[in-house]
Every structure is written in structure tokens, then in C-alpha cells.
Amino acid sequence: MTITVHVGAVVTWTNADQDSHTVTSVPPASQLQSPALNTSGVYRHTFTAAGTYAYLCTIHPFMTGTVVVTR
């Protein structure tokens, strides 16, 4: 999944699954680093710079996403 937001946007991830998940930047980036989110767990991040931010779930590495941040 890919979403596009503007600089300054707050993106919220909510775990609606029964399994735990994380939101973790794909190296070399390091901006996103959530703890394991249990059901209904929430993680928020404010994007302060334009760019493309790839992330994955470290528990289920096949689950990936991208946030594209524009000015």
C-alpha cells in the first residue's frame, strides 16, 4: 500500500488485526519504529521532510507499505 501526504502530516496506523504488527522503516531509513502493536494498538508519526518512506512489519516482513511525502 502507498499513500501520499504533505509535509507536516500526521499518519496514524491502527492495528485492526488479531495478530501483533510493527511499523518499521526499511533500512537505511530509521524514522519509523513502533513497538509491537496489539489489536487496536495505534502508532502515529509526523512527517517533517519530503521523501519516500518505505516500511514493513518486522513480525510479518511480507507486509509492506510506503508513505510518499510531498511539499
N, C-alpha and C. Protein backbone atom coordinates (compact mmCIF):
# COMPACT_ATOMS: atom_id res chain seq x y z
N MET A 1 0.83 -1.17 0.00
CA MET A 1 0.00 0.00 0.00
C MET A 1 0.88 1.24 0.00
N THR A 2 0.50 2.23 -0.76
CA THR A 2 1.21 3.51 -0.81
C THR A 2 0.21 4.63 -0.57
N ILE A 3 0.60 5.57 0.30
CA ILE A 3 -0.21 6.77 0.48
C ILE A 3 0.67 7.97 0.23
N THR A 4 0.05 9.10 -0.15
CA THR A 4 0.76 10.36 -0.37
C THR A 4 0.19 11.40 0.57
N VAL A 5 1.07 12.09 1.28
CA VAL A 5 0.68 13.13 2.23
C VAL A 5 1.60 14.33 2.03
N HIS A 6 1.25 15.46 2.64
CA HIS A 6 2.08 16.66 2.60
C HIS A 6 2.98 16.72 3.83
N VAL A 7 4.09 17.44 3.70
CA VAL A 7 4.99 17.68 4.83
C VAL A 7 4.16 18.22 5.99
N GLY A 8 4.41 17.70 7.18
CA GLY A 8 3.68 18.13 8.37
C GLY A 8 2.51 17.24 8.71
N ALA A 9 2.17 16.31 7.81
CA ALA A 9 1.04 15.41 8.06
C ALA A 9 1.38 14.41 9.16
N VAL A 10 0.37 14.08 9.93
CA VAL A 10 0.49 13.02 10.92
C VAL A 10 -0.20 11.79 10.34
N VAL A 11 0.54 10.70 10.22
CA VAL A 11 -0.03 9.46 9.71
C VAL A 11 -0.25 8.54 10.91
N THR A 12 -1.42 7.92 10.95
CA THR A 12 -1.78 7.03 12.05
C THR A 12 -1.99 5.63 11.52
N TRP A 13 -1.32 4.67 12.13
CA TRP A 13 -1.52 3.26 11.85
C TRP A 13 -2.30 2.68 13.01
N THR A 14 -3.36 1.94 12.74
CA THR A 14 -4.14 1.27 13.77
C THR A 14 -4.21 -0.21 13.43
N ASN A 15 -3.84 -1.05 14.36
CA ASN A 15 -3.88 -2.48 14.13
C ASN A 15 -5.31 -3.00 14.32
N ALA A 16 -5.94 -3.38 13.23
CA ALA A 16 -7.30 -3.92 13.29
C ALA A 16 -7.29 -5.44 13.18
N ASP A 17 -6.12 -6.03 13.31
CA ASP A 17 -5.93 -7.47 13.18
C ASP A 17 -5.81 -8.10 14.56
N GLN A 18 -6.00 -9.40 14.63
CA GLN A 18 -5.82 -10.09 15.92
C GLN A 18 -4.36 -10.40 16.22
N ASP A 19 -3.49 -10.32 15.21
CA ASP A 19 -2.06 -10.54 15.40
C ASP A 19 -1.36 -9.20 15.65
N SER A 20 -0.25 -9.24 16.36
CA SER A 20 0.56 -8.04 16.57
C SER A 20 1.31 -7.68 15.29
N HIS A 21 1.58 -6.38 15.12
CA HIS A 21 2.31 -5.87 13.97
C HIS A 21 3.18 -4.70 14.41
N THR A 22 4.20 -4.40 13.61
CA THR A 22 5.04 -3.21 13.83
C THR A 22 5.01 -2.34 12.59
N VAL A 23 5.44 -1.10 12.76
CA VAL A 23 5.69 -0.18 11.65
C VAL A 23 7.16 0.18 11.77
N THR A 24 7.98 -0.34 10.85
CA THR A 24 9.43 -0.20 10.96
C THR A 24 10.02 0.21 9.62
N SER A 25 10.81 1.29 9.63
CA SER A 25 11.45 1.75 8.40
C SER A 25 12.30 0.67 7.77
N VAL A 26 12.33 0.67 6.45
CA VAL A 26 13.23 -0.21 5.71
C VAL A 26 14.58 0.51 5.64
N PRO A 27 15.67 -0.15 6.05
CA PRO A 27 16.99 0.50 6.01
C PRO A 27 17.30 1.03 4.62
N PRO A 28 18.01 2.14 4.49
CA PRO A 28 18.76 2.80 5.55
C PRO A 28 17.94 3.80 6.37
N ALA A 29 16.70 4.05 6.03
CA ALA A 29 15.88 5.00 6.80
C ALA A 29 15.66 4.47 8.22
N SER A 30 15.36 5.39 9.14
CA SER A 30 15.15 4.95 10.51
C SER A 30 14.06 5.75 11.23
N GLN A 31 13.24 6.49 10.49
CA GLN A 31 12.24 7.36 11.10
C GLN A 31 11.12 6.59 11.79
N LEU A 32 10.71 5.47 11.24
CA LEU A 32 9.55 4.73 11.76
C LEU A 32 10.00 3.56 12.61
N GLN A 33 9.55 3.54 13.85
CA GLN A 33 9.97 2.47 14.75
C GLN A 33 8.91 2.29 15.84
N SER A 34 7.85 1.60 15.51
CA SER A 34 6.81 1.38 16.51
C SER A 34 7.14 0.16 17.36
N PRO A 35 6.55 0.11 18.54
CA PRO A 35 6.60 -1.14 19.29
C PRO A 35 5.63 -2.13 18.63
N ALA A 36 5.60 -3.34 19.10
CA ALA A 36 4.60 -4.29 18.60
C ALA A 36 3.22 -3.76 18.99
N LEU A 37 2.35 -3.63 18.00
CA LEU A 37 1.00 -3.12 18.24
C LEU A 37 0.04 -4.29 18.34
N ASN A 38 -0.58 -4.43 19.48
CA ASN A 38 -1.61 -5.46 19.65
C ASN A 38 -2.91 -4.97 19.00
N THR A 39 -3.94 -5.77 19.02
CA THR A 39 -5.23 -5.39 18.45
C THR A 39 -5.65 -4.03 19.00
N SER A 40 -6.05 -3.14 18.11
CA SER A 40 -6.46 -1.76 18.41
C SER A 40 -5.30 -0.86 18.81
N GLY A 41 -4.07 -1.36 18.75
CA GLY A 41 -2.90 -0.52 19.03
C GLY A 41 -2.73 0.54 17.96
N VAL A 42 -2.20 1.70 18.37
CA VAL A 42 -2.07 2.85 17.46
C VAL A 42 -0.63 3.35 17.49
N TYR A 43 -0.12 3.72 16.31
CA TYR A 43 1.19 4.36 16.17
C TYR A 43 1.01 5.56 15.27
N ARG A 44 1.55 6.71 15.70
CA ARG A 44 1.46 7.94 14.91
C ARG A 44 2.86 8.47 14.63
N HIS A 45 3.01 9.06 13.43
CA HIS A 45 4.29 9.69 13.08
C HIS A 45 4.01 10.95 12.27
N THR A 46 4.71 12.03 12.62
CA THR A 46 4.62 13.28 11.89
C THR A 46 5.77 13.34 10.89
N PHE A 47 5.45 13.51 9.62
CA PHE A 47 6.47 13.57 8.57
C PHE A 47 6.88 15.02 8.35
N THR A 48 8.13 15.34 8.66
CA THR A 48 8.62 16.71 8.61
C THR A 48 9.46 17.03 7.38
N ALA A 49 9.73 16.04 6.55
CA ALA A 49 10.54 16.26 5.36
C ALA A 49 9.96 15.48 4.19
N ALA A 50 10.05 16.09 3.01
CA ALA A 50 9.59 15.41 1.80
C ALA A 50 10.47 14.20 1.53
N GLY A 51 9.87 13.18 0.92
CA GLY A 51 10.63 11.98 0.58
C GLY A 51 9.72 10.78 0.49
N THR A 52 10.33 9.65 0.25
CA THR A 52 9.61 8.38 0.18
C THR A 52 10.08 7.52 1.33
N TYR A 53 9.13 7.05 2.13
CA TYR A 53 9.43 6.30 3.35
C TYR A 53 8.83 4.90 3.23
N ALA A 54 9.67 3.93 3.02
CA ALA A 54 9.23 2.53 2.94
C ALA A 54 9.26 1.93 4.33
N TYR A 55 8.29 1.07 4.62
CA TYR A 55 8.24 0.42 5.93
C TYR A 55 7.73 -1.00 5.79
N LEU A 56 7.92 -1.77 6.87
CA LEU A 56 7.42 -3.14 6.91
C LEU A 56 7.06 -3.50 8.33
N CYS A 57 6.42 -4.64 8.47
CA CYS A 57 6.15 -5.22 9.79
C CYS A 57 7.29 -6.21 10.06
N THR A 58 8.02 -6.02 11.16
CA THR A 58 9.14 -6.92 11.43
C THR A 58 8.67 -8.31 11.84
N ILE A 59 7.43 -8.42 12.28
CA ILE A 59 6.88 -9.72 12.63
C ILE A 59 6.44 -10.48 11.38
N HIS A 60 5.95 -9.75 10.39
CA HIS A 60 5.49 -10.32 9.12
C HIS A 60 6.13 -9.50 7.98
N PRO A 61 7.40 -9.74 7.65
CA PRO A 61 8.13 -8.89 6.71
C PRO A 61 7.55 -8.79 5.31
N PHE A 62 6.61 -9.68 4.98
CA PHE A 62 5.96 -9.59 3.67
C PHE A 62 4.91 -8.48 3.66
N MET A 63 4.57 -7.93 4.82
CA MET A 63 3.61 -6.82 4.93
C MET A 63 4.40 -5.51 4.84
N THR A 64 4.22 -4.80 3.74
CA THR A 64 5.00 -3.59 3.48
C THR A 64 4.09 -2.44 3.09
N GLY A 65 4.65 -1.25 3.13
CA GLY A 65 3.92 -0.06 2.69
C GLY A 65 4.90 1.06 2.42
N THR A 66 4.37 2.13 1.85
CA THR A 66 5.19 3.30 1.52
C THR A 66 4.38 4.56 1.79
N VAL A 67 5.05 5.54 2.39
CA VAL A 67 4.46 6.86 2.56
C VAL A 67 5.27 7.81 1.69
N VAL A 68 4.62 8.47 0.75
CA VAL A 68 5.28 9.48 -0.09
C VAL A 68 4.87 10.83 0.49
N VAL A 69 5.87 11.62 0.86
CA VAL A 69 5.63 12.93 1.48
C VAL A 69 6.06 14.01 0.48
N THR A 70 5.11 14.91 0.17
CA THR A 70 5.37 15.98 -0.78
C THR A 70 5.25 17.34 -0.10
N ARG A 71 5.75 18.34 -0.74
CA ARG A 71 5.67 19.72 -0.21
C ARG A 71 4.33 20.32 -0.49
